[in-house]
C-alpha cells in the first residue's frame, strides 16, 4: 500500500515538472523576443542585407540609404510596446 502511494505521488510530480519546464521555456522565449540583443542583431542584419542589395543594384549612397529600413525597424520596436498595451486593454480583454 505504501509503495502505491509513493508511485502516485511520483506520477503527480511528473506533470508538475513538465509544466515548470514548459514555463521556463516560455519565459526564456519571451525574454529573447523582448531583448535588446535580438533587436540589435535584427537591425544590424537588416542594415547589412539592404546595403548589399543596394550595392548590387548600383543605388546611390547605399551605406546611407540602408539606414532607413534599419532605423524604421528600431523605431517600430520602440513604439510597439505602447501599441501592444493599448491593444491588450482595448481589444484582448473584451474577448476574455
N, C-alpha and C. Protein backbone atom coordinates (compact mmCIF):
# COMPACT_ATOMS: atom_id res chain seq x y z
N UNK A 1 0.82 -1.19 0.00
CA UNK A 1 0.00 0.00 0.00
C UNK A 1 0.86 1.25 0.00
N UNK A 2 1.91 1.23 0.80
CA UNK A 2 2.80 2.37 0.90
C UNK A 2 3.51 2.64 -0.42
N UNK A 3 3.88 1.57 -1.13
CA UNK A 3 4.53 1.69 -2.43
C UNK A 3 3.60 2.32 -3.47
N UNK A 4 2.31 2.03 -3.40
CA UNK A 4 1.33 2.59 -4.32
C UNK A 4 1.18 4.09 -4.11
N UNK A 5 1.22 4.51 -2.85
CA UNK A 5 1.13 5.94 -2.55
C UNK A 5 2.35 6.68 -3.07
N UNK A 6 3.53 6.06 -2.96
CA UNK A 6 4.76 6.68 -3.45
C UNK A 6 4.72 6.80 -4.97
N UNK A 7 4.21 5.76 -5.62
CA UNK A 7 4.14 5.77 -7.08
C UNK A 7 3.18 6.85 -7.57
N UNK A 8 2.02 7.00 -6.88
CA UNK A 8 1.07 8.01 -7.32
C UNK A 8 1.59 9.41 -7.03
N UNK A 9 2.33 9.59 -5.96
CA UNK A 9 2.92 10.90 -5.64
C UNK A 9 3.99 11.26 -6.67
N UNK A 10 4.77 10.25 -7.07
CA UNK A 10 5.79 10.47 -8.08
C UNK A 10 5.15 10.79 -9.44
N UNK A 11 4.07 10.09 -9.75
CA UNK A 11 3.36 10.33 -11.01
C UNK A 11 2.73 11.72 -11.03
N UNK A 12 2.29 12.19 -9.89
CA UNK A 12 1.69 13.52 -9.81
C UNK A 12 2.75 14.60 -9.99
N UNK A 13 3.99 14.33 -9.58
CA UNK A 13 5.06 15.32 -9.71
C UNK A 13 5.55 15.46 -11.15
N UNK A 14 5.40 14.40 -11.96
CA UNK A 14 5.84 14.45 -13.34
C UNK A 14 5.14 15.54 -14.15
N UNK A 15 3.81 15.64 -14.11
CA UNK A 15 3.15 16.73 -14.84
C UNK A 15 3.57 18.11 -14.32
N UNK A 16 3.79 18.20 -13.03
CA UNK A 16 4.22 19.49 -12.45
C UNK A 16 5.60 19.85 -12.97
N UNK A 17 6.51 18.87 -13.02
CA UNK A 17 7.85 19.11 -13.58
C UNK A 17 7.77 19.54 -15.03
N UNK A 18 6.90 18.88 -15.79
CA UNK A 18 6.73 19.22 -17.20
C UNK A 18 6.19 20.64 -17.36
N UNK A 19 5.25 21.02 -16.53
CA UNK A 19 4.70 22.38 -16.58
C UNK A 19 5.77 23.39 -16.22
N UNK A 20 6.58 23.09 -15.21
CA UNK A 20 7.67 24.00 -14.83
C UNK A 20 8.70 24.14 -15.94
N UNK A 21 9.02 23.04 -16.62
CA UNK A 21 9.95 23.09 -17.75
C UNK A 21 9.38 23.94 -18.88
N UNK A 22 8.09 23.72 -19.16
CA UNK A 22 7.43 24.49 -20.21
C UNK A 22 7.41 25.97 -19.87
N UNK A 23 7.09 26.30 -18.62
CA UNK A 23 7.07 27.69 -18.19
C UNK A 23 8.45 28.33 -18.32
N UNK A 24 9.50 27.58 -17.99
CA UNK A 24 10.87 28.10 -18.12
C UNK A 24 11.19 28.38 -19.59
N UNK A 25 10.76 27.49 -20.49
CA UNK A 25 10.99 27.71 -21.93
C UNK A 25 10.22 28.93 -22.42
N UNK A 26 8.97 29.06 -21.98
CA UNK A 26 8.15 30.21 -22.40
C UNK A 26 8.77 31.52 -21.89
N UNK A 27 9.23 31.52 -20.66
CA UNK A 27 9.86 32.72 -20.10
C UNK A 27 11.14 33.06 -20.85
N UNK A 28 11.93 32.05 -21.20
CA UNK A 28 13.16 32.30 -21.96
C UNK A 28 12.85 32.84 -23.35
N UNK A 29 11.83 32.26 -24.00
CA UNK A 29 11.42 32.75 -25.32
C UNK A 29 10.94 34.20 -25.25
N UNK A 30 10.17 34.52 -24.24
CA UNK A 30 9.67 35.89 -24.07
C UNK A 30 10.83 36.85 -23.81
N UNK A 31 11.78 36.43 -22.99
CA UNK A 31 12.95 37.27 -22.71
C UNK A 31 13.73 37.53 -23.99
N UNK A 32 13.89 36.51 -24.82
CA UNK A 32 14.61 36.68 -26.08
C UNK A 32 13.83 37.61 -27.02
N UNK A 33 12.53 37.42 -27.12
CA UNK A 33 11.71 38.24 -28.02
C UNK A 33 11.77 39.72 -27.67
N UNK A 34 11.93 40.04 -26.40
CA UNK A 34 11.93 41.43 -25.98
C UNK A 34 13.32 41.98 -25.68
N UNK A 35 14.36 41.17 -25.94
CA UNK A 35 15.72 41.59 -25.58
C UNK A 35 16.28 42.62 -26.55
N UNK A 36 17.12 43.48 -26.02
CA UNK A 36 17.81 44.47 -26.84
C UNK A 36 18.84 43.81 -27.74
N UNK A 37 19.38 42.68 -27.30
CA UNK A 37 20.33 41.94 -28.12
C UNK A 37 19.67 41.49 -29.42
N UNK A 38 18.48 40.92 -29.31
CA UNK A 38 17.75 40.46 -30.50
C UNK A 38 17.43 41.64 -31.41
N UNK A 39 16.98 42.72 -30.85
CA UNK A 39 16.66 43.91 -31.65
C UNK A 39 17.90 44.41 -32.38
N UNK A 40 19.02 44.44 -31.68
CA UNK A 40 20.27 44.90 -32.28
C UNK A 40 20.72 43.99 -33.41
N UNK A 41 20.64 42.68 -33.19
CA UNK A 41 21.04 41.73 -34.23
C UNK A 41 20.17 41.88 -35.47
N UNK A 42 18.88 42.02 -35.27
CA UNK A 42 17.97 42.19 -36.42
C UNK A 42 18.24 43.51 -37.13
N UNK A 43 18.46 44.58 -36.38
CA UNK A 43 18.72 45.89 -37.00
C UNK A 43 20.01 45.87 -37.81
N UNK A 44 21.07 45.32 -37.24
CA UNK A 44 22.35 45.25 -37.95
C UNK A 44 22.25 44.34 -39.17
N UNK A 45 21.58 43.21 -39.01
CA UNK A 45 21.40 42.28 -40.14
C UNK A 45 20.61 42.94 -41.26
N UNK A 46 19.55 43.64 -40.89
CA UNK A 46 18.73 44.35 -41.88
C UNK A 46 19.58 45.37 -42.63
N UNK A 47 20.36 46.14 -41.87
CA UNK A 47 21.21 47.16 -42.47
C UNK A 47 22.18 46.54 -43.47
N UNK A 48 22.88 45.48 -43.07
CA UNK A 48 23.88 44.87 -43.94
C UNK A 48 23.25 44.23 -45.18
N UNK A 49 22.10 43.60 -45.02
CA UNK A 49 21.43 42.99 -46.17
C UNK A 49 20.97 44.07 -47.16
N UNK A 50 20.43 45.16 -46.65
CA UNK A 50 19.98 46.24 -47.52
C UNK A 50 21.17 46.91 -48.21
N UNK A 51 22.27 47.11 -47.48
CA UNK A 51 23.48 47.67 -48.11
C UNK A 51 23.92 46.77 -49.26
N UNK A 52 23.98 45.47 -49.02
CA UNK A 52 24.37 44.52 -50.06
C UNK A 52 23.46 44.63 -51.28
N UNK A 53 22.16 44.66 -51.03
CA UNK A 53 21.20 44.76 -52.14
C UNK A 53 21.37 46.09 -52.88
N UNK A 54 21.52 47.18 -52.16
CA UNK A 54 21.67 48.48 -52.81
C UNK A 54 22.96 48.56 -53.63
N UNK A 55 24.00 47.92 -53.16
CA UNK A 55 25.24 47.87 -53.94
C UNK A 55 25.02 47.05 -55.21
N UNK A 56 24.29 45.93 -55.09
CA UNK A 56 24.01 45.08 -56.26
C UNK A 56 23.27 45.83 -57.35
N UNK A 57 22.35 46.69 -56.96
CA UNK A 57 21.56 47.42 -57.97
C UNK A 57 22.16 48.78 -58.31
N UNK A 58 23.36 49.02 -57.81
CA UNK A 58 24.08 50.28 -58.08
C UNK A 58 23.29 51.51 -57.65
N UNK A 59 22.63 51.42 -56.52
CA UNK A 59 21.89 52.57 -56.00
C UNK A 59 22.87 53.59 -55.42
N UNK A 60 22.51 54.86 -55.48
CA UNK A 60 23.40 55.88 -54.91
C UNK A 60 23.40 55.81 -53.37
N UNK A 61 24.53 56.07 -52.78
CA UNK A 61 24.70 56.12 -51.32
C UNK A 61 24.11 54.91 -50.59
N UNK A 62 24.55 53.71 -50.92
CA UNK A 62 23.94 52.53 -50.28
C UNK A 62 24.14 52.50 -48.77
N UNK A 63 25.29 52.97 -48.29
CA UNK A 63 25.56 52.93 -46.85
C UNK A 63 24.63 53.87 -46.09
N UNK A 64 24.29 54.99 -46.69
CA UNK A 64 23.39 55.95 -46.05
C UNK A 64 21.93 55.51 -46.22
N UNK A 65 21.57 55.09 -47.42
CA UNK A 65 20.17 54.72 -47.69
C UNK A 65 19.73 53.47 -46.94
N UNK A 66 20.66 52.62 -46.58
CA UNK A 66 20.31 51.41 -45.83
C UNK A 66 19.91 51.73 -44.40
N UNK A 67 20.20 52.94 -43.95
CA UNK A 67 19.79 53.33 -42.59
C UNK A 67 18.28 53.45 -42.46
N UNK A 68 17.59 53.72 -43.56
CA UNK A 68 16.14 53.93 -43.50
C UNK A 68 15.40 52.68 -43.01
N UNK A 69 15.54 51.52 -43.65
CA UNK A 69 14.81 50.35 -43.15
C UNK A 69 15.28 49.88 -41.78
N UNK A 70 16.58 49.96 -41.54
CA UNK A 70 17.09 49.54 -40.22
C UNK A 70 16.57 50.49 -39.13
N UNK A 71 16.57 51.78 -39.43
CA UNK A 71 16.04 52.76 -38.47
C UNK A 71 14.55 52.59 -38.26
N UNK A 72 13.83 52.27 -39.33
CA UNK A 72 12.39 52.05 -39.21
C UNK A 72 12.11 50.85 -38.31
N UNK A 73 12.90 49.81 -38.43
CA UNK A 73 12.73 48.65 -37.57
C UNK A 73 12.94 49.03 -36.11
N UNK A 74 14.04 49.72 -35.83
CA UNK A 74 14.33 50.12 -34.45
C UNK A 74 13.22 51.01 -33.91
N UNK A 75 12.76 51.96 -34.71
CA UNK A 75 11.67 52.83 -34.29
C UNK A 75 10.40 52.03 -33.99
N UNK A 76 10.12 51.04 -34.83
CA UNK A 76 8.91 50.24 -34.59
C UNK A 76 9.01 49.45 -33.29
N UNK A 77 10.21 48.99 -32.94
CA UNK A 77 10.34 48.24 -31.69
C UNK A 77 10.22 49.15 -30.47
N UNK A 78 10.49 50.42 -30.66
CA UNK A 78 10.36 51.36 -29.54
C UNK A 78 8.91 51.77 -29.33
N UNK A 79 8.13 51.83 -30.40
CA UNK A 79 6.74 52.28 -30.28
C UNK A 79 5.77 51.14 -30.05
N UNK A 80 6.12 49.93 -30.45
CA UNK A 80 5.19 48.82 -30.34
C UNK A 80 4.76 48.48 -28.92
N UNK A 81 5.60 48.60 -27.90
CA UNK A 81 5.10 48.31 -26.55
C UNK A 81 3.89 49.16 -26.17
N UNK A 82 3.87 50.42 -26.58
CA UNK A 82 2.73 51.28 -26.29
C UNK A 82 1.49 50.81 -27.06
N UNK A 83 1.69 50.44 -28.32
CA UNK A 83 0.58 49.95 -29.13
C UNK A 83 0.06 48.64 -28.55
N UNK A 84 0.97 47.75 -28.15
CA UNK A 84 0.55 46.48 -27.56
C UNK A 84 -0.26 46.70 -26.29
N UNK A 85 0.20 47.60 -25.44
CA UNK A 85 -0.52 47.89 -24.20
C UNK A 85 -1.93 48.40 -24.49
N UNK A 86 -2.03 49.30 -25.47
CA UNK A 86 -3.33 49.84 -25.85
C UNK A 86 -4.22 48.71 -26.40
N UNK A 87 -3.67 47.86 -27.26
CA UNK A 87 -4.44 46.79 -27.87
C UNK A 87 -4.94 45.81 -26.81
N UNK A 88 -4.07 45.44 -25.88
CA UNK A 88 -4.47 44.50 -24.84
C UNK A 88 -5.61 45.08 -24.00
N UNK A 89 -5.49 46.35 -23.64
CA UNK A 89 -6.52 46.94 -22.78
C UNK A 89 -7.83 47.19 -23.53
N UNK A 90 -7.78 47.40 -24.84
CA UNK A 90 -8.99 47.72 -25.59
C UNK A 90 -9.60 46.57 -26.38
N UNK A 91 -8.81 45.62 -26.80
CA UNK A 91 -9.33 44.57 -27.65
C UNK A 91 -9.29 43.20 -27.00
N UNK A 92 -8.15 42.83 -26.49
CA UNK A 92 -7.95 41.47 -25.99
C UNK A 92 -8.82 41.17 -24.79
N UNK A 93 -8.92 42.09 -23.83
CA UNK A 93 -9.68 41.85 -22.62
C UNK A 93 -11.18 41.76 -22.89
N UNK A 94 -11.65 42.40 -23.95
CA UNK A 94 -13.07 42.35 -24.27
C UNK A 94 -13.50 40.94 -24.69
N UNK A 95 -12.57 40.19 -25.29
CA UNK A 95 -12.87 38.84 -25.73
C UNK A 95 -12.87 37.85 -24.59
N UNK A 96 -12.12 38.16 -23.55
CA UNK A 96 -11.98 37.22 -22.42
C UNK A 96 -13.19 37.21 -21.52
